Amino acid sequence: MTAPVPDSQETPFDFEAAFRLYYVRVARLIARIVRDPGRAEELAVEVLYRLWRNPNAQGEKIGGWLYRTAVRAGLYEIRREARRERVAHLFRPAARPAAPDEVHEAAEDQRRVRDVLAKMEPQRAELVLLRSAGLSYAELAAALDLNPASVGTLLSRAQRVFRKEYVKRYGEP
């Protein structure tokens, strides 16, 4: 997919076309991170608003800029949610209805993964998240402005850091 990019003749940036082209992908990527489709849509609009306000991002690497900004918005959201949860548990009622074991275990696994990602260096967390979203090495290089030849090594290191932190906190999966 190519984005509407201004040419050398000073053609104005077609934000509406860029919005139509990228909104769904950006919202899905954020939804994979925050696990809340409604909040993901709100964050996707914020990311695209940032694009509109940032003429430097409206060039050839618009896709990479949007993916990088979307991942960062998602990571910021889970960090914000983690901070809120540290205080909110004090105000919850003591008894909540019990959920089936499988649902609880899956939710716990997701929480653990989000906690580990929130503690990682942003670039490493971005690499792990974007790769899990199905981006190829070339797309990862474009999204994170990396040398395509080093993506494999950086991704391997990021995955190793993720696994080491996960095992340190929660033991073997």
N, C-alpha and C. Protein backbone atom coordinates (compact mmCIF):
# COMPACT_ATOMS: atom_id res chain seq x y z
N MET A 1 0.83 -1.17 0.00
CA MET A 1 0.00 0.00 0.00
C MET A 1 0.87 1.23 0.00
N THR A 2 0.60 2.12 -0.89
CA THR A 2 1.35 3.36 -0.90
C THR A 2 0.45 4.49 -0.44
N ALA A 3 1.04 5.41 0.25
CA ALA A 3 0.28 6.52 0.81
C ALA A 3 0.29 7.69 -0.16
N PRO A 4 -0.70 8.55 -0.05
CA PRO A 4 -0.69 9.76 -0.84
C PRO A 4 0.42 10.68 -0.36
N VAL A 5 1.44 10.85 -1.19
CA VAL A 5 2.63 11.59 -0.81
C VAL A 5 2.75 12.82 -1.69
N PRO A 6 3.09 13.95 -1.11
CA PRO A 6 3.30 15.14 -1.94
C PRO A 6 4.46 14.93 -2.89
N ASP A 7 4.34 15.41 -4.13
CA ASP A 7 5.44 15.31 -5.07
C ASP A 7 6.26 16.59 -5.02
N SER A 8 7.23 16.66 -5.89
CA SER A 8 8.13 17.82 -5.88
C SER A 8 7.44 19.09 -6.37
N GLN A 9 6.22 19.00 -6.90
CA GLN A 9 5.49 20.15 -7.41
C GLN A 9 4.67 20.83 -6.30
N GLU A 10 4.91 20.49 -5.03
CA GLU A 10 4.19 21.07 -3.91
C GLU A 10 2.71 20.69 -3.90
N THR A 11 2.40 19.46 -4.28
CA THR A 11 1.04 18.96 -4.21
C THR A 11 0.68 18.81 -2.74
N PRO A 12 -0.49 19.30 -2.32
CA PRO A 12 -0.85 19.20 -0.91
C PRO A 12 -1.07 17.74 -0.48
N PHE A 13 -0.78 17.48 0.76
CA PHE A 13 -0.95 16.15 1.33
C PHE A 13 -2.44 15.82 1.41
N ASP A 14 -2.81 14.64 0.95
CA ASP A 14 -4.21 14.21 0.96
C ASP A 14 -4.47 13.42 2.25
N PHE A 15 -4.79 14.15 3.31
CA PHE A 15 -4.98 13.51 4.61
C PHE A 15 -6.16 12.55 4.59
N GLU A 16 -7.22 12.91 3.91
CA GLU A 16 -8.41 12.05 3.88
C GLU A 16 -8.08 10.69 3.27
N ALA A 17 -7.31 10.68 2.20
CA ALA A 17 -6.92 9.42 1.58
C ALA A 17 -6.01 8.62 2.51
N ALA A 18 -5.10 9.30 3.20
CA ALA A 18 -4.22 8.62 4.15
C ALA A 18 -5.03 8.02 5.29
N PHE A 19 -6.02 8.77 5.76
CA PHE A 19 -6.86 8.28 6.84
C PHE A 19 -7.58 7.01 6.41
N ARG A 20 -8.20 7.04 5.23
CA ARG A 20 -8.92 5.86 4.73
C ARG A 20 -7.97 4.68 4.56
N LEU A 21 -6.77 4.94 4.12
CA LEU A 21 -5.82 3.88 3.84
C LEU A 21 -5.27 3.22 5.11
N TYR A 22 -5.04 4.00 6.17
CA TYR A 22 -4.33 3.48 7.33
C TYR A 22 -5.17 3.30 8.59
N TYR A 23 -6.32 3.91 8.68
CA TYR A 23 -7.07 3.89 9.94
C TYR A 23 -7.33 2.48 10.46
N VAL A 24 -7.84 1.60 9.63
CA VAL A 24 -8.20 0.25 10.09
C VAL A 24 -6.96 -0.51 10.56
N ARG A 25 -5.87 -0.43 9.82
CA ARG A 25 -4.65 -1.13 10.22
C ARG A 25 -4.08 -0.60 11.52
N VAL A 26 -4.09 0.72 11.67
CA VAL A 26 -3.58 1.33 12.90
C VAL A 26 -4.46 0.94 14.08
N ALA A 27 -5.78 0.98 13.90
CA ALA A 27 -6.70 0.62 14.99
C ALA A 27 -6.52 -0.85 15.39
N ARG A 28 -6.36 -1.73 14.41
CA ARG A 28 -6.16 -3.16 14.73
C ARG A 28 -4.85 -3.38 15.48
N LEU A 29 -3.80 -2.70 15.05
CA LEU A 29 -2.51 -2.84 15.72
C LEU A 29 -2.62 -2.39 17.17
N ILE A 30 -3.24 -1.27 17.41
CA ILE A 30 -3.39 -0.77 18.78
C ILE A 30 -4.29 -1.71 19.58
N ALA A 31 -5.34 -2.24 18.95
CA ALA A 31 -6.25 -3.15 19.65
C ALA A 31 -5.52 -4.40 20.12
N ARG A 32 -4.56 -4.87 19.35
CA ARG A 32 -3.77 -6.04 19.77
C ARG A 32 -2.96 -5.73 21.03
N ILE A 33 -2.61 -4.49 21.20
CA ILE A 33 -1.80 -4.10 22.35
C ILE A 33 -2.68 -3.85 23.57
N VAL A 34 -3.72 -3.04 23.41
CA VAL A 34 -4.51 -2.62 24.57
C VAL A 34 -5.68 -3.54 24.87
N ARG A 35 -6.05 -4.42 23.96
CA ARG A 35 -7.15 -5.38 24.16
C ARG A 35 -8.49 -4.71 24.44
N ASP A 36 -8.68 -3.53 23.88
CA ASP A 36 -9.94 -2.82 24.01
C ASP A 36 -10.22 -2.14 22.67
N PRO A 37 -11.08 -2.74 21.83
CA PRO A 37 -11.30 -2.19 20.50
C PRO A 37 -11.80 -0.74 20.51
N GLY A 38 -12.65 -0.40 21.44
CA GLY A 38 -13.14 0.97 21.51
C GLY A 38 -12.03 1.96 21.81
N ARG A 39 -11.20 1.65 22.79
CA ARG A 39 -10.08 2.53 23.14
C ARG A 39 -9.07 2.56 22.00
N ALA A 40 -8.90 1.43 21.31
CA ALA A 40 -7.97 1.36 20.19
C ALA A 40 -8.41 2.30 19.07
N GLU A 41 -9.71 2.38 18.82
CA GLU A 41 -10.20 3.29 17.79
C GLU A 41 -9.94 4.75 18.19
N GLU A 42 -10.13 5.06 19.46
CA GLU A 42 -9.84 6.41 19.92
C GLU A 42 -8.36 6.75 19.75
N LEU A 43 -7.50 5.80 20.11
CA LEU A 43 -6.06 6.03 19.98
C LEU A 43 -5.65 6.12 18.52
N ALA A 44 -6.29 5.34 17.65
CA ALA A 44 -5.98 5.41 16.22
C ALA A 44 -6.30 6.80 15.66
N VAL A 45 -7.42 7.36 16.09
CA VAL A 45 -7.77 8.71 15.66
C VAL A 45 -6.72 9.70 16.17
N GLU A 46 -6.27 9.53 17.40
CA GLU A 46 -5.24 10.41 17.95
C GLU A 46 -3.95 10.30 17.15
N VAL A 47 -3.57 9.08 16.77
CA VAL A 47 -2.35 8.88 15.99
C VAL A 47 -2.48 9.57 14.64
N LEU A 48 -3.62 9.41 13.99
CA LEU A 48 -3.82 10.06 12.69
C LEU A 48 -3.91 11.57 12.83
N TYR A 49 -4.42 12.06 13.94
CA TYR A 49 -4.42 13.50 14.20
C TYR A 49 -2.99 14.01 14.31
N ARG A 50 -2.14 13.23 14.97
CA ARG A 50 -0.73 13.61 15.07
C ARG A 50 -0.10 13.68 13.69
N LEU A 51 -0.49 12.76 12.81
CA LEU A 51 0.01 12.79 11.43
C LEU A 51 -0.42 14.09 10.75
N TRP A 52 -1.66 14.45 10.92
CA TRP A 52 -2.19 15.67 10.30
C TRP A 52 -1.43 16.91 10.79
N ARG A 53 -1.07 16.90 12.08
CA ARG A 53 -0.39 18.04 12.69
C ARG A 53 1.12 18.05 12.42
N ASN A 54 1.66 16.96 11.88
CA ASN A 54 3.11 16.83 11.71
C ASN A 54 3.47 16.72 10.22
N PRO A 55 3.77 17.83 9.56
CA PRO A 55 4.09 17.78 8.13
C PRO A 55 5.33 16.93 7.82
N ASN A 56 6.26 16.81 8.77
CA ASN A 56 7.46 16.01 8.53
C ASN A 56 7.14 14.53 8.38
N ALA A 57 6.03 14.07 8.95
CA ALA A 57 5.66 12.66 8.86
C ALA A 57 4.88 12.36 7.59
N GLN A 58 4.51 13.36 6.84
CA GLN A 58 3.66 13.19 5.68
C GLN A 58 4.47 12.95 4.40
N GLY A 59 5.48 12.14 4.50
CA GLY A 59 6.34 11.88 3.36
C GLY A 59 6.30 10.43 2.94
N GLU A 60 7.39 9.98 2.36
CA GLU A 60 7.48 8.62 1.84
C GLU A 60 7.35 7.55 2.92
N LYS A 61 7.78 7.84 4.12
CA LYS A 61 7.79 6.85 5.19
C LYS A 61 6.59 6.98 6.11
N ILE A 62 5.46 7.39 5.56
CA ILE A 62 4.26 7.62 6.35
C ILE A 62 3.81 6.34 7.06
N GLY A 63 3.89 5.20 6.38
CA GLY A 63 3.47 3.93 6.99
C GLY A 63 4.30 3.59 8.20
N GLY A 64 5.60 3.71 8.07
CA GLY A 64 6.48 3.43 9.20
C GLY A 64 6.24 4.38 10.36
N TRP A 65 6.07 5.66 10.04
CA TRP A 65 5.80 6.63 11.09
C TRP A 65 4.51 6.30 11.82
N LEU A 66 3.46 5.94 11.06
CA LEU A 66 2.17 5.63 11.68
C LEU A 66 2.27 4.37 12.55
N TYR A 67 2.92 3.32 12.07
CA TYR A 67 3.03 2.09 12.86
C TYR A 67 3.83 2.34 14.13
N ARG A 68 4.92 3.08 14.00
CA ARG A 68 5.75 3.37 15.17
C ARG A 68 4.95 4.20 16.19
N THR A 69 4.25 5.20 15.72
CA THR A 69 3.47 6.05 16.60
C THR A 69 2.31 5.27 17.23
N ALA A 70 1.71 4.37 16.46
CA ALA A 70 0.61 3.55 16.98
C ALA A 70 1.09 2.62 18.09
N VAL A 71 2.23 1.98 17.88
CA VAL A 71 2.76 1.08 18.91
C VAL A 71 3.10 1.86 20.16
N ARG A 72 3.68 3.01 19.99
CA ARG A 72 4.02 3.83 21.16
C ARG A 72 2.77 4.30 21.89
N ALA A 73 1.73 4.64 21.14
CA ALA A 73 0.46 5.04 21.78
C ALA A 73 -0.13 3.86 22.54
N GLY A 74 -0.07 2.66 21.97
CA GLY A 74 -0.58 1.48 22.66
C GLY A 74 0.21 1.16 23.91
N LEU A 75 1.53 1.23 23.81
CA LEU A 75 2.38 0.97 24.98
C LEU A 75 2.13 2.01 26.07
N TYR A 76 2.00 3.28 25.68
CA TYR A 76 1.71 4.31 26.66
C TYR A 76 0.38 4.03 27.35
N GLU A 77 -0.59 3.57 26.57
CA GLU A 77 -1.91 3.28 27.14
C GLU A 77 -1.84 2.14 28.15
N ILE A 78 -1.09 1.07 27.85
CA ILE A 78 -1.03 -0.02 28.84
C ILE A 78 -0.23 0.41 30.08
N ARG A 79 0.74 1.27 29.91
CA ARG A 79 1.45 1.79 31.08
C ARG A 79 0.52 2.67 31.92
N ARG A 80 -0.27 3.50 31.24
CA ARG A 80 -1.23 4.36 31.95
C ARG A 80 -2.25 3.50 32.68
N GLU A 81 -2.72 2.45 32.03
CA GLU A 81 -3.69 1.55 32.64
C GLU A 81 -3.08 0.83 33.84
N ALA A 82 -1.82 0.44 33.73
CA ALA A 82 -1.15 -0.23 34.85
C ALA A 82 -1.04 0.71 36.05
N ARG A 83 -0.72 1.97 35.79
CA ARG A 83 -0.66 2.95 36.89
C ARG A 83 -2.03 3.11 37.54
N ARG A 84 -3.07 3.17 36.71
CA ARG A 84 -4.43 3.32 37.23
C ARG A 84 -4.83 2.10 38.04
N GLU A 85 -4.47 0.92 37.59
CA GLU A 85 -4.82 -0.32 38.29
C GLU A 85 -4.16 -0.41 39.67
N ARG A 86 -2.95 0.13 39.79
CA ARG A 86 -2.26 0.08 41.08
C ARG A 86 -3.06 0.79 42.17
N VAL A 87 -3.83 1.79 41.78
CA VAL A 87 -4.64 2.54 42.74
C VAL A 87 -6.08 2.03 42.76
N ALA A 88 -6.61 1.68 41.62
CA ALA A 88 -8.03 1.32 41.51
C ALA A 88 -8.39 0.07 42.32
N HIS A 89 -7.48 -0.86 42.48
CA HIS A 89 -7.82 -2.08 43.22
C HIS A 89 -8.21 -1.78 44.67
N LEU A 90 -7.78 -0.65 45.18
CA LEU A 90 -8.12 -0.27 46.55
C LEU A 90 -9.60 0.08 46.71
N PHE A 91 -10.24 0.45 45.60
CA PHE A 91 -11.62 0.90 45.66
C PHE A 91 -12.62 -0.11 45.12
N ARG A 92 -12.18 -1.28 44.76
CA ARG A 92 -13.08 -2.30 44.23
C ARG A 92 -13.80 -3.02 45.37
N PRO A 93 -15.01 -3.47 45.11
CA PRO A 93 -15.69 -4.30 46.12
C PRO A 93 -14.89 -5.59 46.35
N ALA A 94 -14.98 -6.10 47.55
CA ALA A 94 -14.19 -7.28 47.92
C ALA A 94 -14.61 -8.53 47.14
N ALA A 95 -15.90 -8.72 46.93
CA ALA A 95 -16.36 -9.94 46.27
C ALA A 95 -16.79 -9.63 44.84
N ARG A 96 -16.22 -10.40 43.90
CA ARG A 96 -16.62 -10.29 42.50
C ARG A 96 -17.07 -11.67 42.05
N PRO A 97 -17.98 -11.71 41.09
CA PRO A 97 -18.41 -13.02 40.60
C PRO A 97 -17.23 -13.78 39.98
N ALA A 98 -17.19 -15.06 40.24
CA ALA A 98 -16.10 -15.89 39.72
C ALA A 98 -16.30 -16.16 38.24
N ALA A 99 -15.19 -16.18 37.51
CA ALA A 99 -15.21 -16.47 36.08
C ALA A 99 -14.70 -17.89 35.87
N PRO A 100 -15.01 -18.51 34.75
CA PRO A 100 -14.47 -19.84 34.47
C PRO A 100 -12.94 -19.81 34.49
N ASP A 101 -12.36 -20.93 34.85
CA ASP A 101 -10.89 -21.02 34.99
C ASP A 101 -10.16 -20.64 33.71
N GLU A 102 -10.63 -21.09 32.58
CA GLU A 102 -9.93 -20.80 31.32
C GLU A 102 -9.92 -19.31 31.01
N VAL A 103 -11.03 -18.65 31.23
CA VAL A 103 -11.12 -17.23 30.97
C VAL A 103 -10.19 -16.47 31.89
N HIS A 104 -10.19 -16.85 33.13
CA HIS A 104 -9.31 -16.19 34.10
C HIS A 104 -7.84 -16.40 33.75
N GLU A 105 -7.49 -17.62 33.41
CA GLU A 105 -6.10 -17.92 33.08
C GLU A 105 -5.65 -17.16 31.84
N ALA A 106 -6.51 -17.09 30.82
CA ALA A 106 -6.17 -16.35 29.60
C ALA A 106 -5.99 -14.86 29.90
N ALA A 107 -6.87 -14.31 30.69
CA ALA A 107 -6.77 -12.90 31.06
C ALA A 107 -5.49 -12.64 31.85
N GLU A 108 -5.15 -13.57 32.71
CA GLU A 108 -3.93 -13.44 33.51
C GLU A 108 -2.69 -13.50 32.62
N ASP A 109 -2.70 -14.40 31.65
CA ASP A 109 -1.58 -14.48 30.71
C ASP A 109 -1.42 -13.18 29.93
N GLN A 110 -2.52 -12.62 29.47
CA GLN A 110 -2.48 -11.36 28.73
C GLN A 110 -1.95 -10.23 29.62
N ARG A 111 -2.38 -10.20 30.85
CA ARG A 111 -1.91 -9.18 31.78
C ARG A 111 -0.41 -9.31 32.00
N ARG A 112 0.05 -10.53 32.15
CA ARG A 112 1.48 -10.76 32.36
C ARG A 112 2.29 -10.28 31.16
N VAL A 113 1.82 -10.62 29.96
CA VAL A 113 2.53 -10.19 28.75
C VAL A 113 2.56 -8.67 28.67
N ARG A 114 1.44 -8.01 28.93
CA ARG A 114 1.40 -6.55 28.90
C ARG A 114 2.33 -5.95 29.95
N ASP A 115 2.38 -6.55 31.14
CA ASP A 115 3.27 -6.06 32.18
C ASP A 115 4.74 -6.15 31.76
N VAL A 116 5.10 -7.29 31.17
CA VAL A 116 6.48 -7.47 30.73
C VAL A 116 6.80 -6.47 29.62
N LEU A 117 5.90 -6.29 28.66
CA LEU A 117 6.13 -5.34 27.57
C LEU A 117 6.26 -3.92 28.11
N ALA A 118 5.49 -3.59 29.11
CA ALA A 118 5.55 -2.24 29.68
C ALA A 118 6.88 -1.96 30.36
N LYS A 119 7.57 -3.00 30.81
CA LYS A 119 8.85 -2.83 31.50
C LYS A 119 10.05 -2.85 30.54
N MET A 120 9.82 -3.28 29.30
CA MET A 120 10.92 -3.39 28.34
C MET A 120 11.26 -2.02 27.76
N GLU A 121 12.46 -1.93 27.16
CA GLU A 121 12.83 -0.73 26.41
C GLU A 121 11.80 -0.55 25.30
N PRO A 122 11.40 0.68 25.01
CA PRO A 122 10.36 0.90 24.00
C PRO A 122 10.64 0.27 22.64
N GLN A 123 11.87 0.41 22.13
CA GLN A 123 12.16 -0.14 20.80
C GLN A 123 12.04 -1.66 20.80
N ARG A 124 12.50 -2.31 21.85
CA ARG A 124 12.38 -3.77 21.91
C ARG A 124 10.93 -4.20 22.02
N ALA A 125 10.15 -3.50 22.83
CA ALA A 125 8.73 -3.82 22.95
C ALA A 125 8.02 -3.59 21.62
N GLU A 126 8.38 -2.52 20.93
CA GLU A 126 7.79 -2.25 19.62
C GLU A 126 8.11 -3.37 18.64
N LEU A 127 9.35 -3.83 18.63
CA LEU A 127 9.74 -4.92 17.73
C LEU A 127 8.91 -6.17 18.00
N VAL A 128 8.79 -6.55 19.25
CA VAL A 128 8.03 -7.76 19.61
C VAL A 128 6.57 -7.60 19.22
N LEU A 129 5.99 -6.45 19.51
CA LEU A 129 4.57 -6.23 19.20
C LEU A 129 4.30 -6.21 17.70
N LEU A 130 5.14 -5.48 16.96
CA LEU A 130 4.91 -5.39 15.52
C LEU A 130 5.12 -6.74 14.84
N ARG A 131 6.10 -7.49 15.30
CA ARG A 131 6.31 -8.82 14.72
C ARG A 131 5.13 -9.73 15.03
N SER A 132 4.60 -9.65 16.25
CA SER A 132 3.44 -10.47 16.60
C SER A 132 2.20 -10.03 15.85
N ALA A 133 2.20 -8.80 15.35
CA ALA A 133 1.08 -8.30 14.53
C ALA A 133 1.20 -8.76 13.09
N GLY A 134 2.29 -9.47 12.77
CA GLY A 134 2.43 -10.05 11.44
C GLY A 134 3.28 -9.24 10.47
N LEU A 135 3.95 -8.19 10.93
CA LEU A 135 4.78 -7.42 10.02
C LEU A 135 6.02 -8.20 9.63
N SER A 136 6.41 -8.08 8.38
CA SER A 136 7.62 -8.73 7.87
C SER A 136 8.84 -7.95 8.36
N TYR A 137 10.03 -8.52 8.12
CA TYR A 137 11.24 -7.83 8.52
C TYR A 137 11.36 -6.50 7.80
N ALA A 138 11.02 -6.46 6.52
CA ALA A 138 11.09 -5.21 5.76
C ALA A 138 10.12 -4.18 6.33
N GLU A 139 8.92 -4.61 6.70
CA GLU A 139 7.95 -3.69 7.30
C GLU A 139 8.42 -3.22 8.67
N LEU A 140 9.04 -4.12 9.43
CA LEU A 140 9.60 -3.72 10.73
C LEU A 140 10.67 -2.66 10.55
N ALA A 141 11.55 -2.87 9.57
CA ALA A 141 12.61 -1.90 9.31
C ALA A 141 12.04 -0.54 8.95
N ALA A 142 11.00 -0.53 8.12
CA ALA A 142 10.39 0.73 7.72
C ALA A 142 9.65 1.38 8.90
N ALA A 143 8.93 0.58 9.65
CA ALA A 143 8.13 1.13 10.76
C ALA A 143 8.99 1.73 11.85
N LEU A 144 10.13 1.10 12.12
CA LEU A 144 10.97 1.55 13.24
C LEU A 144 12.23 2.28 12.77
N ASP A 145 12.30 2.53 11.46
CA ASP A 145 13.43 3.24 10.88
C ASP A 145 14.74 2.56 11.24
N LEU A 146 14.81 1.25 10.94
CA LEU A 146 15.99 0.45 11.23
C LEU A 146 16.65 0.00 9.92
N ASN A 147 17.90 -0.38 10.04
CA ASN A 147 18.59 -0.98 8.90
C ASN A 147 17.98 -2.36 8.68
N PRO A 148 17.48 -2.64 7.48
CA PRO A 148 16.83 -3.94 7.23
C PRO A 148 17.73 -5.14 7.54
N ALA A 149 19.03 -4.98 7.40
CA ALA A 149 19.95 -6.08 7.67
C ALA A 149 20.06 -6.40 9.15
N SER A 150 19.70 -5.45 10.02
CA SER A 150 19.85 -5.68 11.46
C SER A 150 18.54 -6.06 12.15
N VAL A 151 17.44 -6.10 11.42
CA VAL A 151 16.15 -6.38 12.03
C VAL A 151 16.13 -7.75 12.69
N GLY A 152 16.65 -8.76 12.03
CA GLY A 152 16.65 -10.12 12.59
C GLY A 152 17.38 -10.19 13.92
N THR A 153 18.55 -9.59 13.98
CA THR A 153 19.34 -9.59 15.20
C THR A 153 18.63 -8.83 16.32
N LEU A 154 18.12 -7.65 15.99
CA LEU A 154 17.43 -6.84 17.00
C LEU A 154 16.16 -7.54 17.50
N LEU A 155 15.44 -8.17 16.58
CA LEU A 155 14.23 -8.88 16.97
C LEU A 155 14.57 -10.07 17.86
N SER A 156 15.60 -10.80 17.51
CA SER A 156 16.02 -11.94 18.33
C SER A 156 16.39 -11.50 19.74
N ARG A 157 17.11 -10.41 19.85
CA ARG A 157 17.48 -9.88 21.16
C ARG A 157 16.26 -9.44 21.94
N ALA A 158 15.34 -8.77 21.27
CA ALA A 158 14.12 -8.30 21.93
C ALA A 158 13.30 -9.48 22.44
N GLN A 159 13.18 -10.52 21.63
CA GLN A 159 12.43 -11.71 22.06
C GLN A 159 13.12 -12.40 23.23
N ARG A 160 14.45 -12.43 23.21
CA ARG A 160 15.20 -13.04 24.30
C ARG A 160 15.01 -12.25 25.59
N VAL A 161 15.03 -10.90 25.50
CA VAL A 161 14.81 -10.06 26.67
C VAL A 161 13.39 -10.27 27.21
N PHE A 162 12.42 -10.35 26.30
CA PHE A 162 11.04 -10.58 26.71
C PHE A 162 10.93 -11.91 27.47
N ARG A 163 11.47 -12.96 26.89
CA ARG A 163 11.37 -14.29 27.52
C ARG A 163 12.08 -14.31 28.87
N LYS A 164 13.27 -13.72 28.94
CA LYS A 164 14.04 -13.70 30.19
C LYS A 164 13.25 -12.98 31.28
N GLU A 165 12.67 -11.82 30.95
CA GLU A 165 11.90 -11.06 31.93
C GLU A 165 10.64 -11.81 32.34
N TYR A 166 9.99 -12.45 31.38
CA TYR A 166 8.78 -13.20 31.67
C TYR A 166 9.09 -14.36 32.63
N VAL A 167 10.15 -15.11 32.33
CA VAL A 167 10.53 -16.25 33.18
C VAL A 167 10.96 -15.76 34.56
N LYS A 168 11.68 -14.65 34.62
CA LYS A 168 12.13 -14.10 35.91
C LYS A 168 10.92 -13.72 36.78
N ARG A 169 9.90 -13.14 36.17
CA ARG A 169 8.73 -12.70 36.93
C ARG A 169 7.76 -13.84 37.24
N TYR A 170 7.51 -14.72 36.26
CA TYR A 170 6.39 -15.65 36.38
C TYR A 170 6.79 -17.12 36.22
N GLY A 171 8.05 -17.40 36.00
CA GLY A 171 8.46 -18.79 35.82
C GLY A 171 8.20 -19.24 34.39
N GLU A 172 8.53 -20.49 34.12
CA GLU A 172 8.32 -21.04 32.77
C GLU A 172 6.85 -21.06 32.43
N PRO A 173 6.50 -20.69 31.17
CA PRO A 173 5.07 -20.73 30.78
C PRO A 173 4.53 -22.13 30.70
